[in-house]
């Protein structure tokens, strides 16, 4: 791939946008085989190869179905009475994890988010907390007010938001801005005690009496008895994965234990009980 095209592909993914890499795999003109182009979800095509204008138009029209389906695939079409085959490789935008509040709990959460493939943004209004020396490997470290950030941040159904600020007033400000936008992120999690959470809801309900808070998870995390920052990070990220993958969060052994009580057979293998 041409270095300039690779840079455009990398930049598009960095800015959390879907993109397709198109490769012509069969054509009567052997010089065009292997030619590549980038197809953006808005239908714009970029190519470094000198492709004929009508072929570019056909590529856009024929590959649009992959944009709709959000998947890779091969397409065949006619251009100037010649059969053309093209492979469209889908590069989805990474999921975006926004962690509001750069305290001690944020550090393991941000690291774990990166390990799990999220594009991670850490936001705090205190420069001594939101800085690169504390988060050297995180994608974005933003030092500004929560109001300003959430008023302007890109929020999509691939956005996962954690509110772990230093006080419930900042949670209220952040939630208010998110609700004002009317968008639906995949997940909003808010840390805090029952008293703190109750205070937040009391304030939010004044302006949003009919809001169902469908995407709000609070107290945040799965119930695993987490106490340390690292344990809390495991609990929180496990809940995010549960939401992302639409799973129950139950222990995988529970179903096996129920079947084992009946002396079960599963698949081609027989499960036997051994006495030690």
Protein backbone atom coordinates (compact mmCIF):
# COMPACT_ATOMS: atom_id res chain seq x y z
CA UNK A 1 0.00 0.00 0.00
CA UNK A 2 1.19 3.49 -0.83
CA UNK A 3 2.52 5.29 2.33
CA UNK A 4 0.17 8.23 1.80
CA UNK A 5 -2.83 5.93 1.54
CA UNK A 6 -1.73 4.03 4.64
CA UNK A 7 -1.48 7.33 6.55
CA UNK A 8 -5.02 8.29 5.48
CA UNK A 9 -6.29 4.89 6.59
CA UNK A 10 -4.52 5.22 9.93
CA UNK A 11 -5.78 8.78 10.48
CA UNK A 12 -9.38 7.83 9.71
CA UNK A 13 -9.30 5.02 12.27
CA UNK A 14 -7.57 7.33 14.77
CA UNK A 15 -10.44 9.80 14.44
CA UNK A 16 -12.87 6.97 15.09
CA UNK A 17 -14.49 6.71 11.68
CA UNK A 18 -15.33 3.55 9.72
CA UNK A 19 -13.52 3.05 6.42
CA UNK A 20 -13.11 0.40 3.71
CA UNK A 21 -9.95 -0.59 1.87
CA UNK A 22 -10.88 -1.63 -1.68
CA UNK A 23 -8.61 -3.88 -3.73
CA UNK A 24 -9.27 -4.83 -7.36
CA UNK A 25 -8.66 -8.57 -7.48
CA UNK A 26 -9.67 -9.33 -11.08
CA UNK A 27 -9.82 -7.24 -14.25
CA UNK A 28 -9.14 -7.81 -17.93
CA UNK A 29 -6.48 -5.10 -17.71
CA UNK A 30 -3.81 -6.77 -15.57
CA UNK A 31 -2.33 -3.36 -14.75
CA UNK A 32 -5.39 -2.56 -12.63
CA UNK A 33 -5.23 -5.78 -10.59
CA UNK A 34 -4.03 -4.94 -7.10
CA UNK A 35 -5.07 -1.29 -7.35
CA UNK A 36 -6.36 0.05 -4.04
CA UNK A 37 -8.75 2.75 -2.92
CA UNK A 38 -10.20 3.99 0.36
CA UNK A 39 -13.98 4.27 0.60
CA UNK A 40 -15.37 6.47 3.35
CA UNK A 41 -18.85 5.93 4.77
CA UNK A 42 -20.03 9.18 3.18
CA UNK A 43 -19.30 7.67 -0.24
CA UNK A 44 -16.09 9.58 -0.93
CA UNK A 45 -13.34 7.58 -2.63
CA UNK A 46 -9.62 8.18 -2.34
CA UNK A 47 -7.08 6.40 -4.49
CA UNK A 48 -3.44 6.88 -5.31
CA UNK A 49 -3.75 4.72 -8.43
CA UNK A 50 -4.86 6.33 -11.73
CA UNK A 51 -8.24 4.59 -11.98
CA UNK A 52 -10.68 5.58 -14.77
CA UNK A 53 -13.48 7.87 -13.60
CA UNK A 54 -16.24 5.43 -14.57
CA UNK A 55 -14.51 2.63 -12.65
CA UNK A 56 -14.33 4.82 -9.55
CA UNK A 57 -18.05 5.54 -9.84
CA UNK A 58 -18.84 1.83 -10.21
CA UNK A 59 -16.68 1.00 -7.18
CA UNK A 60 -18.59 3.47 -5.03
CA UNK A 61 -22.00 2.22 -6.18
CA UNK A 62 -21.13 -1.49 -5.97
CA UNK A 63 -19.45 -1.31 -2.54
CA UNK A 64 -22.10 0.86 -0.89
CA UNK A 65 -23.88 -2.25 0.39
CA UNK A 66 -20.86 -3.04 2.57
CA UNK A 67 -21.16 0.38 4.20
CA UNK A 68 -24.77 -0.41 5.07
CA UNK A 69 -23.97 -3.89 6.36
CA UNK A 70 -20.70 -2.81 8.06
CA UNK A 71 -18.85 -5.88 6.89
CA UNK A 72 -16.13 -6.98 4.48
CA UNK A 73 -16.93 -8.78 1.25
CA UNK A 74 -16.26 -9.37 -2.43
CA UNK A 75 -18.28 -7.76 -5.20
CA UNK A 76 -18.37 -8.32 -8.97
CA UNK A 77 -19.71 -5.85 -11.48
CA UNK A 78 -19.42 -4.81 -15.12
CA UNK A 79 -17.63 -1.68 -16.22
CA UNK A 80 -17.28 -0.99 -19.97
CA UNK A 81 -18.58 -4.52 -20.58
CA UNK A 82 -15.65 -5.93 -18.58
CA UNK A 83 -16.09 -7.99 -15.42
CA UNK A 84 -14.42 -6.43 -12.40
CA UNK A 85 -13.89 -8.12 -9.03
CA UNK A 86 -13.16 -6.10 -5.90
CA UNK A 87 -12.56 -7.04 -2.28
CA UNK A 88 -13.75 -4.50 0.32
CA UNK A 89 -12.03 -4.84 3.70
CA UNK A 90 -13.91 -3.22 6.58
CA UNK A 91 -11.96 -1.27 9.17
CA UNK A 92 -14.43 -0.34 11.92
CA UNK A 93 -13.83 2.66 14.13
CA UNK A 94 -12.54 1.60 17.55
CA UNK A 95 -14.90 1.81 20.49
CA UNK A 96 -14.38 5.03 22.45
CA UNK A 97 -14.00 4.92 26.22
CA UNK A 98 -14.27 8.33 27.92
CA UNK A 99 -13.17 8.39 31.56
CA UNK A 100 -14.25 11.60 33.31
CA UNK A 101 -12.14 12.05 36.44
CA UNK A 102 -8.42 11.28 36.45
CA UNK A 103 -8.07 10.15 40.05
CA UNK A 104 -6.39 6.98 41.29
CA UNK A 105 -9.20 4.69 40.04
CA UNK A 106 -8.86 6.11 36.53
CA UNK A 107 -5.31 4.85 35.97
CA UNK A 108 -6.00 1.07 35.94
CA UNK A 109 -9.31 1.61 34.11
CA UNK A 110 -7.60 3.58 31.33
CA UNK A 111 -4.82 0.99 31.02
CA UNK A 112 -7.30 -1.86 30.90
CA UNK A 113 -9.39 -0.03 28.33
CA UNK A 114 -6.35 0.21 26.06
CA UNK A 115 -5.59 -3.48 26.57
CA UNK A 116 -9.14 -4.29 25.44
CA UNK A 117 -8.81 -2.27 22.25
CA UNK A 118 -10.72 0.87 23.17
CA UNK A 119 -9.69 4.34 22.07
CA UNK A 120 -9.33 5.91 25.51
CA UNK A 121 -9.85 9.54 26.47
CA UNK A 122 -9.18 10.79 30.00
CA UNK A 123 -10.74 14.13 30.97
CA UNK A 124 -10.18 16.16 34.14
CA UNK A 125 -10.17 19.88 34.90
CA UNK A 126 -7.03 19.65 37.09
CA UNK A 127 -3.68 19.89 35.26
CA UNK A 128 -1.89 18.00 38.01
CA UNK A 129 -4.14 15.01 37.25
CA UNK A 130 -4.79 15.28 33.51
CA UNK A 131 -1.30 15.15 32.08
CA UNK A 132 0.90 12.91 29.95
CA UNK A 133 3.27 11.99 32.76
CA UNK A 134 0.42 10.11 34.47
CA UNK A 135 -1.10 8.69 31.27
CA UNK A 136 1.75 8.28 28.77
CA UNK A 137 0.09 5.52 26.73
CA UNK A 138 -3.48 6.82 26.61
CA UNK A 139 -4.85 8.15 23.30
CA UNK A 140 -6.21 11.48 24.56
CA UNK A 141 -5.59 13.28 27.84
CA UNK A 142 -7.78 16.38 28.05
CA UNK A 143 -7.49 19.09 30.68
CA UNK A 144 -10.62 21.22 30.59
CA UNK A 145 -13.97 21.57 32.33
CA UNK A 146 -16.38 18.67 32.12
CA UNK A 147 -19.09 20.98 30.77
CA UNK A 148 -16.92 22.16 27.89
CA UNK A 149 -15.77 18.67 27.02
CA UNK A 150 -19.17 16.96 27.04
CA UNK A 151 -20.76 19.86 25.21
CA UNK A 152 -18.44 19.34 22.23
CA UNK A 153 -17.31 15.70 22.37
CA UNK A 154 -18.27 13.31 19.59
CA UNK A 155 -20.85 10.91 21.05
CA UNK A 156 -22.03 7.86 19.10
CA UNK A 157 -23.43 4.40 19.78
CA UNK A 158 -19.79 3.29 20.04
CA UNK A 159 -19.10 5.62 22.97
CA UNK A 160 -18.71 4.31 26.52
CA UNK A 161 -18.60 6.94 29.27
CA UNK A 162 -17.43 6.57 32.86
CA UNK A 163 -18.13 9.30 35.40
CA UNK A 164 -15.66 8.88 38.26
CA UNK A 165 -15.19 12.53 39.15
CA UNK A 166 -14.21 13.87 42.58
CA UNK A 167 -17.69 15.08 43.50
CA UNK A 168 -21.34 14.56 42.64
CA UNK A 169 -21.72 18.14 41.35
CA UNK A 170 -19.36 17.27 38.49
CA UNK A 171 -21.40 14.14 37.77
CA UNK A 172 -24.55 16.30 37.62
CA UNK A 173 -22.88 18.77 35.26
CA UNK A 174 -21.62 15.98 33.01
CA UNK A 175 -24.93 14.10 32.94
CA UNK A 176 -26.84 17.31 32.24
CA UNK A 177 -24.66 18.10 29.24
CA UNK A 178 -25.06 14.55 27.91
CA UNK A 179 -28.83 14.65 28.33
CA UNK A 180 -29.05 18.06 26.68
CA UNK A 181 -27.47 16.61 23.56
CA UNK A 182 -30.15 13.96 23.20
CA UNK A 183 -27.72 11.34 21.93
CA UNK A 184 -27.54 7.71 23.02
CA UNK A 185 -24.07 6.45 23.93
CA UNK A 186 -23.70 2.71 24.40
CA UNK A 187 -23.01 3.08 28.09
CA UNK A 188 -22.82 5.67 30.87
CA UNK A 189 -21.44 4.40 34.17
CA UNK A 190 -21.29 6.47 37.34
CA UNK A 191 -19.29 5.56 40.42
CA UNK A 192 -20.38 6.49 43.91
CA UNK A 193 -22.11 5.53 47.12
CA UNK A 194 -25.89 5.20 47.36
CA UNK A 195 -26.06 8.61 49.03
CA UNK A 196 -24.03 10.26 46.27
CA UNK A 197 -26.05 8.56 43.53
CA UNK A 198 -29.32 9.53 45.20
CA UNK A 199 -28.18 13.15 45.31
CA UNK A 200 -27.33 13.11 41.61
CA UNK A 201 -30.71 11.67 40.63
CA UNK A 202 -32.59 14.18 42.79
CA UNK A 203 -30.92 17.06 40.97
CA UNK A 204 -31.24 15.54 37.50
CA UNK A 205 -34.92 14.64 37.97
CA UNK A 206 -35.81 18.32 38.41
CA UNK A 207 -35.03 19.06 34.78
CA UNK A 208 -35.64 15.59 33.33
CA UNK A 209 -38.67 14.14 35.15
CA UNK A 210 -39.47 11.61 32.42
CA UNK A 211 -35.91 10.46 31.60
CA UNK A 212 -35.60 6.68 31.98
CA UNK A 213 -31.77 6.66 32.17
CA UNK A 214 -31.71 3.48 30.07
CA UNK A 215 -27.98 3.79 29.35
CA UNK A 216 -26.97 4.79 32.90
CA UNK A 217 -25.32 2.14 35.09
CA UNK A 218 -24.86 3.14 38.69
CA UNK A 219 -23.35 2.04 41.00
CA UNK A 220 -20.90 1.17 38.28
CA UNK A 221 -19.41 -2.31 37.76
CA UNK A 222 -20.26 -5.96 38.40
CA UNK A 223 -20.67 -7.25 41.94
CA UNK A 224 -17.35 -9.02 42.55
CA UNK A 225 -16.49 -7.39 45.88
CA UNK A 226 -13.99 -4.99 44.30
CA UNK A 227 -12.14 -2.75 46.73
CA UNK A 228 -8.75 -1.71 45.31
CA UNK A 229 -8.44 0.53 42.23
CA UNK A 230 -7.27 -2.46 40.16
CA UNK A 231 -10.19 -4.60 41.33
CA UNK A 232 -12.63 -1.76 40.59
CA UNK A 233 -11.15 -1.50 37.09
CA UNK A 234 -11.82 -5.22 36.51
CA UNK A 235 -15.38 -4.83 37.79
CA UNK A 236 -16.08 -1.77 35.63
CA UNK A 237 -14.53 -3.08 32.42
CA UNK A 238 -16.29 -6.43 32.89
CA UNK A 239 -19.62 -4.58 33.00
CA UNK A 240 -18.72 -2.59 29.89
CA UNK A 241 -17.88 -5.83 28.06
CA UNK A 242 -21.15 -7.31 29.27
CA UNK A 243 -23.04 -4.38 27.73
CA UNK A 244 -20.92 -4.34 24.57
CA UNK A 245 -21.34 -8.07 23.94
CA UNK A 246 -24.94 -8.22 25.22
CA UNK A 247 -24.23 -11.06 27.61
CA UNK A 248 -25.61 -11.97 31.01
CA UNK A 249 -22.48 -11.60 33.08
CA UNK A 250 -23.19 -14.91 34.84
CA UNK A 251 -20.37 -17.28 35.67
CA UNK A 252 -19.84 -19.67 32.76
CA UNK A 253 -19.69 -22.57 35.20
CA UNK A 254 -23.28 -22.16 36.39
CA UNK A 255 -24.85 -23.97 33.43
CA UNK A 256 -22.28 -26.74 33.61
CA UNK A 257 -22.93 -27.23 37.32
CA UNK A 258 -26.64 -27.61 36.69
CA UNK A 259 -26.03 -30.20 33.98
CA UNK A 260 -23.43 -32.00 36.08
CA UNK A 261 -25.97 -32.58 38.84
CA UNK A 262 -27.94 -34.65 36.31
CA UNK A 263 -24.92 -36.65 35.15
CA UNK A 264 -25.11 -35.02 31.73
CA UNK A 265 -23.73 -35.72 28.29
CA UNK A 266 -22.81 -32.70 26.15
CA UNK A 267 -21.84 -32.85 22.49
CA UNK A 268 -19.66 -35.81 21.63
CA UNK A 269 -17.97 -35.95 25.03
CA UNK A 270 -19.25 -37.70 28.15
CA UNK A 271 -18.81 -35.97 31.50
CA UNK A 272 -17.89 -38.42 34.26
CA UNK A 273 -17.71 -37.98 38.00
CA UNK A 274 -14.54 -39.16 39.69
CA UNK A 275 -14.14 -39.87 43.36
CA UNK A 276 -10.85 -38.68 44.83
